[in-house]
Amino acid sequence: MKAIVATGYGTPEVFQLQSVTKPEPKANEVLVKVKTSAATKADAMMRTGKPYFARLFIGLTKPKTGIPGTGFAGIVEQVGENVSNFQVGDRVFGETAFGFKANAEFLTVSENGVILPLPENIEFAAASNFCDGHLTSYNFLKEIADVKPGQKVLINGASGALGMSAVQIAKYLGAEVTGVCGDRNAGLIKSLGADKVLDYYKEDFTQSEDRYDIIYDTVGKSSFKACKGILKDKGIYLSPVLQFPLMIQMVITSFFKGKKAKFQATGANKEEKLRFMLSEVLEIYKAGKLKTVIDRQFPLEKLAEAHTYIDSGHKKGNVVIYNA
């Protein structure tokens, strides 16, 4: 089968299209013919091997798993002898978490892993990105921050995949939502539910006179220290971007009452919890309260170009990788 293989850490040029052995499903696994997969900011960070201490988990000199990508959508091609939840021909979607291997023509995943049936009225392109934007932002806003109706939530990086999901989910949870993004995307962010949009070119949101219950920095461009002054007394600063200063602040603030800094690798949760959260996200989507905004689509062989675009910092929403 065709697959993208990372030959090391570095620029998008480390990706090579190769012919590799098609995986065989174990007794409890399904083989999925991948129709679409995701290319994300998190994938790009993994590609660089930074921060360096992450290599202790993903490989010291090069990725342990050569095939990148986590989010996928496709059709069940084959099932293991003990599989009972899925049949050949089923439409499915999910993520492989730290198993990677989604940027390929086929992948295997446990039937008890992060995989769900895909409703007929949801396109593969939209579904393959559920676990990056929607699932991660749901985890941070609902599970970690426990957003309540009437709370004030600020989303930094509102025009990215995580940010667009966060705006919609925070609004669904009943919050008053402020999005931070460039002016050219302000209309889109308001259409997704933001009550207010701040243009980061014109104003520094950390100097705002408003006070927030939650600040969700989806791009990791700010910090708990910078945002502390605009958090309410028991406010929470959240970011899915792993940085050493954030880890230190997270430890320090855990010992005291008051403002908190929090980080979590969503993919590190147990598969049962991830699958449950994904099912809840799917229900929100089916209810018409959540949309997947797709920026660009690239064929599998051009994954390097997709990552170059992601690295440019101009991505608006999700990037989809498709198999012809």
C-alpha atoms as a PDB file:
ATOM      1  CA  MET A   1       0.000   0.000   0.000  1.00  0.00           C
ATOM      2  CA  LYS A   2       0.988   3.648  -0.318  1.00  0.00           C
ATOM      3  CA  ALA A   3       1.911   5.515   2.844  1.00  0.00           C
ATOM      4  CA  ILE A   4       3.812   8.582   3.911  1.00  0.00           C
ATOM      5  CA  VAL A   5       6.909   7.716   5.940  1.00  0.00           C
ATOM      6  CA  ALA A   6       8.847  10.188   8.110  1.00  0.00           C
ATOM      7  CA  THR A   7      12.544   9.550   7.572  1.00  0.00           C
ATOM      8  CA  GLY A   8      13.506  11.651  10.599  1.00  0.00           C
ATOM      9  CA  TYR A   9      12.602  14.881  12.386  1.00  0.00           C
ATOM     10  CA  GLY A  10      12.644  18.247  10.664  1.00  0.00           C
ATOM     11  CA  THR A  11      10.996  20.153   7.839  1.00  0.00           C
ATOM     12  CA  PRO A  12       8.161  18.689   5.717  1.00  0.00           C
ATOM     13  CA  GLU A  13      10.828  17.291   3.386  1.00  0.00           C
ATOM     14  CA  VAL A  14      11.333  14.409   5.846  1.00  0.00           C
ATOM     15  CA  PHE A  15       8.097  12.934   4.459  1.00  0.00           C
ATOM     16  CA  GLN A  16       8.435  10.396   1.643  1.00  0.00           C
ATOM     17  CA  LEU A  17       5.717   8.543  -0.223  1.00  0.00           C
ATOM     18  CA  GLN A  18       6.637   4.857  -0.037  1.00  0.00           C
ATOM     19  CA  SER A  19       5.185   1.446  -0.786  1.00  0.00           C
ATOM     20  CA  VAL A  20       4.918  -0.444   2.499  1.00  0.00           C
ATOM     21  CA  THR A  21       3.396  -3.706   3.643  1.00  0.00           C
ATOM     22  CA  LYS A  22      -0.360  -3.556   4.047  1.00  0.00           C
ATOM     23  CA  PRO A  23      -1.227  -4.274   7.704  1.00  0.00           C
ATOM     24  CA  GLU A  24      -3.139  -7.395   8.714  1.00  0.00           C
ATOM     25  CA  PRO A  25      -5.786  -7.021  11.419  1.00  0.00           C
ATOM     26  CA  LYS A  26      -5.345  -8.991  14.632  1.00  0.00           C
ATOM     27  CA  ALA A  27      -8.240 -10.936  16.119  1.00  0.00           C
ATOM     28  CA  ASN A  28      -9.721  -7.860  17.817  1.00  0.00           C
ATOM     29  CA  GLU A  29      -8.891  -5.331  15.086  1.00  0.00           C
ATOM     30  CA  VAL A  30     -10.489  -3.939  11.956  1.00  0.00           C
ATOM     31  CA  LEU A  31      -8.657  -3.008   8.781  1.00  0.00           C
ATOM     32  CA  VAL A  32      -9.826   0.389   7.532  1.00  0.00           C
ATOM     33  CA  LYS A  33      -9.466   1.578   3.963  1.00  0.00           C
ATOM     34  CA  VAL A  34      -8.678   5.219   4.653  1.00  0.00           C
ATOM     35  CA  LYS A  35     -10.657   7.672   2.534  1.00  0.00           C
ATOM     36  CA  THR A  36      -9.455  10.820   4.298  1.00  0.00           C
ATOM     37  CA  SER A  37      -7.070  11.625   7.139  1.00  0.00           C
ATOM     38  CA  ALA A  38      -6.099  14.782   8.974  1.00  0.00           C
ATOM     39  CA  ALA A  39      -3.007  16.994   8.855  1.00  0.00           C
ATOM     40  CA  THR A  40      -2.830  19.144  11.968  1.00  0.00           C
ATOM     41  CA  LYS A  41      -0.689  21.601  13.891  1.00  0.00           C
ATOM     42  CA  ALA A  42      -0.069  18.839  16.428  1.00  0.00           C
ATOM     43  CA  ASP A  43       1.136  16.564  13.611  1.00  0.00           C
ATOM     44  CA  ALA A  44       3.509  19.309  12.486  1.00  0.00           C
ATOM     45  CA  MET A  45       4.933  19.615  15.999  1.00  0.00           C
ATOM     46  CA  MET A  46       5.445  15.850  16.147  1.00  0.00           C
ATOM     47  CA  ARG A  47       7.227  16.045  12.791  1.00  0.00           C
ATOM     48  CA  THR A  48       9.793  18.464  14.214  1.00  0.00           C
ATOM     49  CA  GLY A  49      10.369  16.392  17.340  1.00  0.00           C
ATOM     50  CA  LYS A  50       9.905  19.477  19.502  1.00  0.00           C
ATOM     51  CA  PRO A  51       9.800  20.082  22.371  1.00  0.00           C
ATOM     52  CA  TYR A  52      12.755  17.711  22.612  1.00  0.00           C
ATOM     53  CA  PHE A  53      11.609  15.888  25.734  1.00  0.00           C
ATOM     54  CA  ALA A  54       8.648  14.602  23.701  1.00  0.00           C
ATOM     55  CA  ARG A  55      11.150  12.375  21.877  1.00  0.00           C
ATOM     56  CA  LEU A  56      11.373  10.239  24.990  1.00  0.00           C
ATOM     57  CA  PHE A  57       7.909   9.018  24.028  1.00  0.00           C
ATOM     58  CA  ILE A  58       7.834   9.207  20.225  1.00  0.00           C
ATOM     59  CA  GLY A  59      11.450   8.276  19.343  1.00  0.00           C
ATOM     60  CA  LEU A  60      14.865   9.758  20.102  1.00  0.00           C
ATOM     61  CA  THR A  61      16.373  10.249  16.640  1.00  0.00           C
ATOM     62  CA  LYS A  62      13.334   9.583  14.463  1.00  0.00           C
ATOM     63  CA  PRO A  63       9.681   8.665  15.021  1.00  0.00           C
ATOM     64  CA  LYS A  64       9.159   5.132  16.329  1.00  0.00           C
ATOM     65  CA  THR A  65       6.112   4.940  14.083  1.00  0.00           C
ATOM     66  CA  GLY A  66       7.212   6.081  10.649  1.00  0.00           C
ATOM     67  CA  ILE A  67       3.748   6.768   9.269  1.00  0.00           C
ATOM     68  CA  PRO A  68       2.325  10.067  10.630  1.00  0.00           C
ATOM     69  CA  GLY A  69      -1.256  11.177  11.205  1.00  0.00           C
ATOM     70  CA  THR A  70      -3.903  10.288  13.783  1.00  0.00           C
ATOM     71  CA  GLY A  71      -7.364  11.325  12.567  1.00  0.00           C
ATOM     72  CA  PHE A  72      -9.020   9.142   9.929  1.00  0.00           C
ATOM     73  CA  ALA A  73     -12.273   8.271   8.196  1.00  0.00           C
ATOM     74  CA  GLY A  74     -12.921   5.382   5.863  1.00  0.00           C
ATOM     75  CA  ILE A  75     -14.547   2.006   5.215  1.00  0.00           C
ATOM     76  CA  VAL A  76     -13.968  -1.281   7.021  1.00  0.00           C
ATOM     77  CA  GLU A  77     -12.103  -3.548   4.607  1.00  0.00           C
ATOM     78  CA  GLN A  78     -11.568  -6.577   6.845  1.00  0.00           C
ATOM     79  CA  VAL A  79     -12.359  -7.646  10.424  1.00  0.00           C
ATOM     80  CA  GLY A  80     -10.492  -9.892  12.845  1.00  0.00           C
ATOM     81  CA  GLU A  81     -12.074 -13.167  13.944  1.00  0.00           C
ATOM     82  CA  ASN A  82     -13.144 -11.819  17.339  1.00  0.00           C
ATOM     83  CA  VAL A  83     -14.607  -8.515  16.128  1.00  0.00           C
ATOM     84  CA  SER A  84     -18.327  -8.096  16.791  1.00  0.00           C
ATOM     85  CA  ASN A  85     -18.936  -4.331  16.664  1.00  0.00           C
ATOM     86  CA  PHE A  86     -18.086  -3.738  13.001  1.00  0.00           C
ATOM     87  CA  GLN A  87     -18.642  -5.421   9.646  1.00  0.00           C
ATOM     88  CA  VAL A  88     -16.970  -5.190   6.266  1.00  0.00           C
ATOM     89  CA  GLY A  89     -18.344  -2.152   4.430  1.00  0.00           C
ATOM     90  CA  ASP A  90     -19.095  -0.087   7.525  1.00  0.00           C
ATOM     91  CA  ARG A  91     -18.308   3.620   7.339  1.00  0.00           C
ATOM     92  CA  VAL A  92     -16.147   4.543  10.335  1.00  0.00           C
ATOM     93  CA  PHE A  93     -14.057   7.378  11.756  1.00  0.00           C
ATOM     94  CA  GLY A  94     -11.784   7.960  14.725  1.00  0.00           C
ATOM     95  CA  GLU A  95      -8.177   8.419  15.690  1.00  0.00           C
ATOM     96  CA  THR A  96      -5.107   6.338  16.404  1.00  0.00           C
ATOM     97  CA  ALA A  97      -3.761   8.719  19.104  1.00  0.00           C
ATOM     98  CA  PHE A  98      -0.088   7.918  19.744  1.00  0.00           C
ATOM     99  CA  GLY A  99      -0.349   4.944  17.391  1.00  0.00           C
ATOM    100  CA  PHE A 100      -0.235   7.354  14.402  1.00  0.00           C
ATOM    101  CA  LYS A 101      -0.325   5.610  10.927  1.00  0.00           C
ATOM    102  CA  ALA A 102      -3.361   7.523   9.569  1.00  0.00           C
ATOM    103  CA  ASN A 103      -1.618   9.108   6.540  1.00  0.00           C
ATOM    104  CA  ALA A 104      -1.756   5.895   4.544  1.00  0.00           C
ATOM    105  CA  GLU A 105      -4.110   3.885   2.334  1.00  0.00           C
ATOM    106  CA  PHE A 106      -4.942   1.403   5.117  1.00  0.00           C
ATOM    107  CA  LEU A 107      -4.638   1.185   8.882  1.00  0.00           C
ATOM    108  CA  THR A 108      -5.639  -1.207  11.631  1.00  0.00           C
ATOM    109  CA  VAL A 109      -7.355  -0.223  14.859  1.00  0.00           C
ATOM    110  CA  SER A 110      -8.816  -2.163  17.763  1.00  0.00           C
ATOM    111  CA  GLU A 111     -12.600  -2.399  17.698  1.00  0.00           C
ATOM    112  CA  ASN A 112     -12.429  -1.119  21.301  1.00  0.00           C
ATOM    113  CA  GLY A 113     -10.212   1.788  20.306  1.00  0.00           C
ATOM    114  CA  VAL A 114     -11.199   5.316  19.327  1.00  0.00           C
ATOM    115  CA  ILE A 115     -13.445   4.370  16.431  1.00  0.00           C
ATOM    116  CA  LEU A 116     -17.162   4.923  15.818  1.00  0.00           C
ATOM    117  CA  PRO A 117     -19.660   4.262  13.026  1.00  0.00           C
ATOM    118  CA  LEU A 118     -19.923   7.239  10.691  1.00  0.00           C
ATOM    119  CA  PRO A 119     -23.474   8.393   9.878  1.00  0.00           C
ATOM    120  CA  GLU A 120     -24.294   8.419   6.172  1.00  0.00           C
ATOM    121  CA  ASN A 121     -25.008  12.166   6.159  1.00  0.00           C
ATOM    122  CA  ILE A 122     -21.505  13.113   7.360  1.00  0.00           C
ATOM    123  CA  GLU A 123     -18.761  13.302   4.747  1.00  0.00           C
ATOM    124  CA  PHE A 124     -15.426  11.547   5.214  1.00  0.00           C
ATOM    125  CA  ALA A 125     -13.545  14.851   4.901  1.00  0.00           C
ATOM    126  CA  ALA A 126     -15.410  16.359   7.841  1.00  0.00           C
ATOM    127  CA  ALA A 127     -15.151  13.239   9.994  1.00  0.00           C
ATOM    128  CA  SER A 128     -11.404  12.709   9.691  1.00  0.00           C
ATOM    129  CA  ASN A 129     -10.779  15.958  11.574  1.00  0.00           C
ATOM    130  CA  PHE A 130     -13.217  15.359  14.440  1.00  0.00           C
ATOM    131  CA  CYS A 131     -10.544  14.170  16.836  1.00  0.00           C
ATOM    132  CA  ASP A 132      -8.215  17.116  16.396  1.00  0.00           C
ATOM    133  CA  GLY A 133     -10.431  20.172  16.589  1.00  0.00           C
ATOM    134  CA  HIS A 134     -13.724  18.970  18.038  1.00  0.00           C
ATOM    135  CA  LEU A 135     -12.571  16.258  20.444  1.00  0.00           C
ATOM    136  CA  THR A 136      -9.600  18.192  21.819  1.00  0.00           C
ATOM    137  CA  SER A 137     -11.558  21.391  22.382  1.00  0.00           C
ATOM    138  CA  TYR A 138     -14.442  19.458  23.950  1.00  0.00           C
ATOM    139  CA  ASN A 139     -11.999  17.823  26.340  1.00  0.00           C
ATOM    140  CA  PHE A 140     -10.460  21.150  27.379  1.00  0.00           C
ATOM    141  CA  LEU A 141     -13.680  23.127  27.700  1.00  0.00           C
ATOM    142  CA  LYS A 142     -16.093  20.500  29.053  1.00  0.00           C
ATOM    143  CA  GLU A 143     -13.919  17.971  30.875  1.00  0.00           C
ATOM    144  CA  ILE A 144     -11.031  20.100  32.148  1.00  0.00           C
ATOM    145  CA  ALA A 145     -12.534  23.601  32.546  1.00  0.00           C
ATOM    146  CA  ASP A 146     -16.167  22.494  33.056  1.00  0.00           C
ATOM    147  CA  VAL A 147     -17.546  25.580  31.312  1.00  0.00           C
ATOM    148  CA  LYS A 148     -20.860  26.733  32.754  1.00  0.00           C
ATOM    149  CA  PRO A 149     -23.650  28.852  31.229  1.00  0.00           C
ATOM    150  CA  GLY A 150     -22.946  32.556  31.608  1.00  0.00           C
ATOM    151  CA  GLN A 151     -19.200  32.225  32.034  1.00  0.00           C
ATOM    152  CA  LYS A 152     -16.916  34.390  29.915  1.00  0.00           C
ATOM    153  CA  VAL A 153     -14.569  32.401  27.686  1.00  0.00           C
ATOM    154  CA  LEU A 154     -11.824  33.817  25.475  1.00  0.00           C
ATOM    155  CA  ILE A 155     -10.482  31.705  22.604  1.00  0.00           C
ATOM    156  CA  ASN A 156      -7.036  32.716  21.326  1.00  0.00           C
ATOM    157  CA  GLY A 157      -6.416  31.434  17.800  1.00  0.00           C
ATOM    158  CA  ALA A 158     -10.130  31.319  17.049  1.00  0.00           C
ATOM    159  CA  SER A 159      -9.677  30.841  13.291  1.00  0.00           C
ATOM    160  CA  GLY A 160      -7.690  27.601  13.558  1.00  0.00           C
ATOM    161  CA  ALA A 161      -9.134  24.098  13.690  1.00  0.00           C
ATOM    162  CA  LEU A 162      -9.082  23.970  17.490  1.00  0.00           C
ATOM    163  CA  GLY A 163     -10.273  27.560  17.773  1.00  0.00           C
ATOM    164  CA  MET A 164     -13.264  27.189  15.481  1.00  0.00           C
ATOM    165  CA  SER A 165     -14.334  24.083  17.347  1.00  0.00           C
ATOM    166  CA  ALA A 166     -13.799  25.837  20.681  1.00  0.00           C
ATOM    167  CA  VAL A 167     -15.956  28.830  19.733  1.00  0.00           C
ATOM    168  CA  GLN A 168     -18.850  26.537  18.843  1.00  0.00           C
ATOM    169  CA  ILE A 169     -18.467  24.216  21.838  1.00  0.00           C
ATOM    170  CA  ALA A 170     -18.125  27.076  24.340  1.00  0.00           C
ATOM    171  CA  LYS A 171     -21.266  28.640  22.883  1.00  0.00           C
ATOM    172  CA  TYR A 172     -23.070  25.284  23.043  1.00  0.00           C
ATOM    173  CA  LEU A 173     -22.117  25.068  26.728  1.00  0.00           C
ATOM    174  CA  GLY A 174     -23.758  28.453  27.310  1.00  0.00           C
ATOM    175  CA  ALA A 175     -20.711  30.694  27.598  1.00  0.00           C
ATOM    176  CA  GLU A 176     -20.236  34.278  26.452  1.00  0.00           C
ATOM    177  CA  VAL A 177     -17.511  33.806  23.843  1.00  0.00           C
ATOM    178  CA  THR A 178     -14.759  36.157  22.714  1.00  0.00           C
ATOM    179  CA  GLY A 179     -12.601  35.031  19.789  1.00  0.00           C
ATOM    180  CA  VAL A 180      -9.134  36.365  18.985  1.00  0.00           C
ATOM    181  CA  CYS A 181      -8.069  36.209  15.332  1.00  0.00           C
ATOM    182  CA  GLY A 182      -7.193  38.354  12.334  1.00  0.00           C
ATOM    183  CA  ASP A 183      -9.836  40.776  11.076  1.00  0.00           C
ATOM    184  CA  ARG A 184     -10.269  38.893   7.776  1.00  0.00           C
ATOM    185  CA  ASN A 185     -11.710  35.924   9.683  1.00  0.00           C
ATOM    186  CA  ALA A 186     -13.887  37.933  12.079  1.00  0.00           C
ATOM    187  CA  GLY A 187     -17.104  37.397  10.113  1.00  0.00           C
ATOM    188  CA  LEU A 188     -16.611  33.634  10.017  1.00  0.00           C
ATOM    189  CA  ILE A 189     -15.893  33.431  13.745  1.00  0.00           C
ATOM    190  CA  LYS A 190     -18.996  35.477  14.556  1.00  0.00           C
ATOM    191  CA  SER A 191     -21.052  33.197  12.307  1.00  0.00           C
ATOM    192  CA  LEU A 192     -19.843  30.236  14.394  1.00  0.00           C
ATOM    193  CA  GLY A 193     -21.205  31.828  17.560  1.00  0.00           C
ATOM    194  CA  ALA A 194     -18.643  34.266  18.950  1.00  0.00           C
ATOM    195  CA  ASP A 195     -20.264  37.188  20.763  1.00  0.00           C
ATOM    196  CA  LYS A 196     -17.178  39.354  20.261  1.00  0.00           C
ATOM    197  CA  VAL A 197     -14.071  39.161  18.073  1.00  0.00           C
ATOM    198  CA  LEU A 198     -10.747  40.862  18.822  1.00  0.00           C
ATOM    199  CA  ASP A 199      -8.276  41.570  16.021  1.00  0.00           C
ATOM    200  CA  TYR A 200      -4.835  40.584  17.296  1.00  0.00           C
ATOM    201  CA  TYR A 201      -3.226  42.918  14.756  1.00  0.00           C
ATOM    202  CA  LYS A 202      -4.898  45.926  16.385  1.00  0.00           C
ATOM    203  CA  GLU A 203      -5.075  45.074  20.068  1.00  0.00           C
ATOM    204  CA  ASP A 204      -3.371  42.959  22.695  1.00  0.00           C
ATOM    205  CA  PHE A 205      -6.111  40.926  24.335  1.00  0.00           C
ATOM    206  CA  THR A 206      -3.996  40.476  27.475  1.00  0.00           C
ATOM    207  CA  GLN A 207      -4.450  44.210  28.127  1.00  0.00           C
ATOM    208  CA  SER A 208      -8.241  43.998  27.938  1.00  0.00           C
ATOM    209  CA  GLU A 209     -10.406  45.591  30.610  1.00  0.00           C
ATOM    210  CA  ASP A 210     -12.656  42.533  30.501  1.00  0.00           C
ATOM    211  CA  ARG A 211     -12.126  39.604  32.868  1.00  0.00           C
ATOM    212  CA  TYR A 212     -12.576  35.989  31.859  1.00  0.00           C
ATOM    213  CA  ASP A 213     -13.423  32.741  33.611  1.00  0.00           C
ATOM    214  CA  ILE A 214     -11.502  30.712  31.022  1.00  0.00           C
ATOM    215  CA  ILE A 215      -8.827  31.583  28.480  1.00  0.00           C
ATOM    216  CA  TYR A 216      -8.230  28.792  25.975  1.00  0.00           C
ATOM    217  CA  ASP A 217      -5.025  29.498  24.072  1.00  0.00           C
ATOM    218  CA  THR A 218      -5.333  27.040  21.205  1.00  0.00           C
ATOM    219  CA  VAL A 219      -2.111  28.165  19.507  1.00  0.00           C
ATOM    220  CA  GLY A 220       0.143  28.573  22.545  1.00  0.00           C
ATOM    221  CA  LYS A 221       1.144  32.071  21.472  1.00  0.00           C
ATOM    222  CA  SER A 222       0.450  33.624  24.860  1.00  0.00           C
ATOM    223  CA  SER A 223       1.137  32.371  28.398  1.00  0.00           C
ATOM    224  CA  PHE A 224      -0.415  32.025  31.829  1.00  0.00           C
ATOM    225  CA  LYS A 225       1.823  34.846  33.048  1.00  0.00           C
ATOM    226  CA  ALA A 226       0.630  37.203  30.301  1.00  0.00           C
ATOM    227  CA  CYS A 227      -3.030  36.254  30.749  1.00  0.00           C
ATOM    228  CA  LYS A 228      -3.123  36.146  34.543  1.00  0.00           C
ATOM    229  CA  GLY A 229      -4.192  39.796  34.809  1.00  0.00           C
ATOM    230  CA  ILE A 230      -7.388  39.294  32.779  1.00  0.00           C
ATOM    231  CA  LEU A 231      -8.453  36.089  34.508  1.00  0.00           C
ATOM    232  CA  LYS A 232     -11.080  36.222  37.229  1.00  0.00           C
ATOM    233  CA  ASP A 233     -10.056  35.179  40.749  1.00  0.00           C
ATOM    234  CA  LYS A 234     -10.699  31.497  40.046  1.00  0.00           C
ATOM    235  CA  GLY A 235     -10.030  31.728  36.314  1.00  0.00           C
ATOM    236  CA  ILE A 236      -8.309  29.036  34.269  1.00  0.00           C
ATOM    237  CA  TYR A 237      -5.696  29.376  31.517  1.00  0.00           C
ATOM    238  CA  LEU A 238      -5.747  26.372  29.174  1.00  0.00           C
ATOM    239  CA  SER A 239      -3.498  25.406  26.291  1.00  0.00           C
ATOM    240  CA  PRO A 240      -3.068  22.160  24.322  1.00  0.00           C
ATOM    241  CA  VAL A 241       0.403  23.302  23.200  1.00  0.00           C
ATOM    242  CA  LEU A 242       3.072  21.625  25.311  1.00  0.00           C
ATOM    243  CA  GLN A 243       5.659  24.139  26.524  1.00  0.00           C
ATOM    244  CA  PHE A 244       8.015  23.892  29.481  1.00  0.00           C
ATOM    245  CA  PRO A 245       6.945  27.211  31.138  1.00  0.00           C
ATOM    246  CA  LEU A 246       3.313  26.078  31.041  1.00  0.00           C
ATOM    247  CA  MET A 247       4.215  22.821  32.759  1.00  0.00           C
ATOM    248  CA  ILE A 248       6.006  24.736  35.522  1.00  0.00           C
ATOM    249  CA  GLN A 249       3.043  27.103  36.001  1.00  0.00           C
ATOM    250  CA  MET A 250       0.676  24.153  36.033  1.00  0.00           C
ATOM    251  CA  VAL A 251       2.615  22.543  38.887  1.00  0.00           C
ATOM    252  CA  ILE A 252       2.931  25.789  40.849  1.00  0.00           C
ATOM    253  CA  THR A 253      -0.727  26.795  40.570  1.00  0.00           C
ATOM    254  CA  SER A 254      -1.892  23.317  41.579  1.00  0.00           C
ATOM    255  CA  PHE A 255      -0.710  24.039  45.138  1.00  0.00           C
ATOM    256  CA  PHE A 256      -2.749  27.196  45.575  1.00  0.00           C
ATOM    257  CA  LYS A 257      -6.352  28.311  45.378  1.00  0.00           C
ATOM    258  CA  GLY A 258      -7.185  30.858  42.730  1.00  0.00           C
ATOM    259  CA  LYS A 259      -6.065  31.134  39.118  1.00  0.00           C
ATOM    260  CA  LYS A 260      -4.868  27.963  37.428  1.00  0.00           C
ATOM    261  CA  ALA A 261      -2.757  26.977  34.433  1.00  0.00           C
ATOM    262  CA  LYS A 262      -3.719  23.666  32.845  1.00  0.00           C
ATOM    263  CA  PHE A 263      -2.417  21.436  30.071  1.00  0.00           C
ATOM    264  CA  GLN A 264      -3.305  17.942  28.972  1.00  0.00           C
ATOM    265  CA  ALA A 265      -2.431  15.734  26.029  1.00  0.00           C
ATOM    266  CA  THR A 266      -5.939  14.717  25.030  1.00  0.00           C
ATOM    267  CA  GLY A 267      -4.673  11.643  23.199  1.00  0.00           C
ATOM    268  CA  ALA A 268      -3.128  10.357  26.433  1.00  0.00           C
ATOM    269  CA  ASN A 269      -6.579   9.679  27.904  1.00  0.00           C
ATOM    270  CA  LYS A 270      -7.776   6.089  28.028  1.00  0.00           C
ATOM    271  CA  GLU A 271      -9.405   4.879  24.828  1.00  0.00           C
ATOM    272  CA  GLU A 272     -12.727   4.335  26.622  1.00  0.00           C
ATOM    273  CA  LYS A 273     -12.873   7.974  27.672  1.00  0.00           C
ATOM    274  CA  LEU A 274     -11.810   9.256  24.260  1.00  0.00           C
ATOM    275  CA  ARG A 275     -14.444   7.134  22.555  1.00  0.00           C
ATOM    276  CA  PHE A 276     -17.118   8.351  24.988  1.00  0.00           C
ATOM    277  CA  MET A 277     -16.174  12.013  24.449  1.00  0.00           C
ATOM    278  CA  LEU A 278     -16.122  11.456  20.682  1.00  0.00           C
ATOM    279  CA  SER A 279     -19.651  10.030  20.845  1.00  0.00           C
ATOM    280  CA  GLU A 280     -20.786  13.140  22.739  1.00  0.00           C
ATOM    281  CA  VAL A 281     -19.149  15.400  20.151  1.00  0.00           C
ATOM    282  CA  LEU A 282     -20.895  13.445  17.408  1.00  0.00           C
ATOM    283  CA  GLU A 283     -24.269  14.068  19.068  1.00  0.00           C
ATOM    284  CA  ILE A 284     -23.578  17.818  19.196  1.00  0.00           C
ATOM    285  CA  TYR A 285     -22.642  17.691  15.512  1.00  0.00           C
ATOM    286  CA  LYS A 286     -25.781  15.733  14.592  1.00  0.00           C
ATOM    287  CA  ALA A 287     -27.865  18.291  16.490  1.00  0.00           C
ATOM    288  CA  GLY A 288     -26.566  21.001  14.154  1.00  0.00           C
ATOM    289  CA  LYS A 289     -24.600  22.815  16.868  1.00  0.00           C
ATOM    290  CA  LEU A 290     -21.152  22.042  15.493  1.00  0.00           C
ATOM    291  CA  LYS A 291     -19.572  22.390  12.057  1.00  0.00           C
ATOM    292  CA  THR A 292     -16.277  21.228  10.594  1.00  0.00           C
ATOM    293  CA  VAL A 293     -14.724  24.061   8.584  1.00  0.00           C
ATOM    294  CA  ILE A 294     -12.341  22.763   5.918  1.00  0.00           C
ATOM    295  CA  ASP A 295      -9.658  25.088   4.628  1.00  0.00           C
ATOM    296  CA  ARG A 296      -7.753  22.974   2.083  1.00  0.00           C
ATOM    297  CA  GLN A 297      -7.503  19.388   0.859  1.00  0.00           C
ATOM    298  CA  PHE A 298      -4.348  17.673  -0.391  1.00  0.00           C
ATOM    299  CA  PRO A 299      -3.787  14.230  -1.918  1.00  0.00           C
ATOM    300  CA  LEU A 300      -1.772  11.798   0.206  1.00  0.00           C
ATOM    301  CA  GLU A 301       1.366  12.189  -1.900  1.00  0.00           C
ATOM    302  CA  LYS A 302       1.392  15.920  -1.138  1.00  0.00           C
ATOM    303  CA  LEU A 303       1.366  15.658   2.649  1.00  0.00           C
ATOM    304  CA  ALA A 304       4.639  17.629   2.726  1.00  0.00           C
ATOM    305  CA  GLU A 305       2.881  20.513   0.947  1.00  0.00           C
ATOM    306  CA  ALA A 306       0.054  20.325   3.481  1.00  0.00           C
ATOM    307  CA  HIS A 307       2.555  20.604   6.342  1.00  0.00           C
ATOM    308  CA  THR A 308       4.308  23.505   4.628  1.00  0.00           C
ATOM    309  CA  TYR A 309       0.948  25.278   4.503  1.00  0.00           C
ATOM    310  CA  ILE A 310       0.301  24.503   8.180  1.00  0.00           C
ATOM    311  CA  ASP A 311       3.771  25.819   9.077  1.00  0.00           C
ATOM    312  CA  SER A 312       2.980  29.098   7.288  1.00  0.00           C
ATOM    313  CA  GLY A 313       0.549  29.982  10.081  1.00  0.00           C
ATOM    314  CA  HIS A 314      -2.229  30.949   7.678  1.00  0.00           C
ATOM    315  CA  LYS A 315      -4.386  27.850   8.098  1.00  0.00           C
ATOM    316  CA  LYS A 316      -8.080  28.620   8.565  1.00  0.00           C
ATOM    317  CA  GLY A 317      -9.898  25.617   9.967  1.00  0.00           C
ATOM    318  CA  ASN A 318      -8.964  22.071   8.993  1.00  0.00           C
ATOM    319  CA  VAL A 319      -6.616  20.531   6.445  1.00  0.00           C
ATOM    320  CA  VAL A 320      -7.737  17.237   4.920  1.00  0.00           C
ATOM    321  CA  ILE A 321      -5.598  14.539   3.252  1.00  0.00           C
ATOM    322  CA  TYR A 322      -7.454  12.354   0.773  1.00  0.00           C
ATOM    323  CA  ASN A 323      -6.683   9.067  -0.955  1.00  0.00           C
ATOM    324  CA  ALA A 324      -7.669   9.017  -4.603  1.00  0.00           C
END
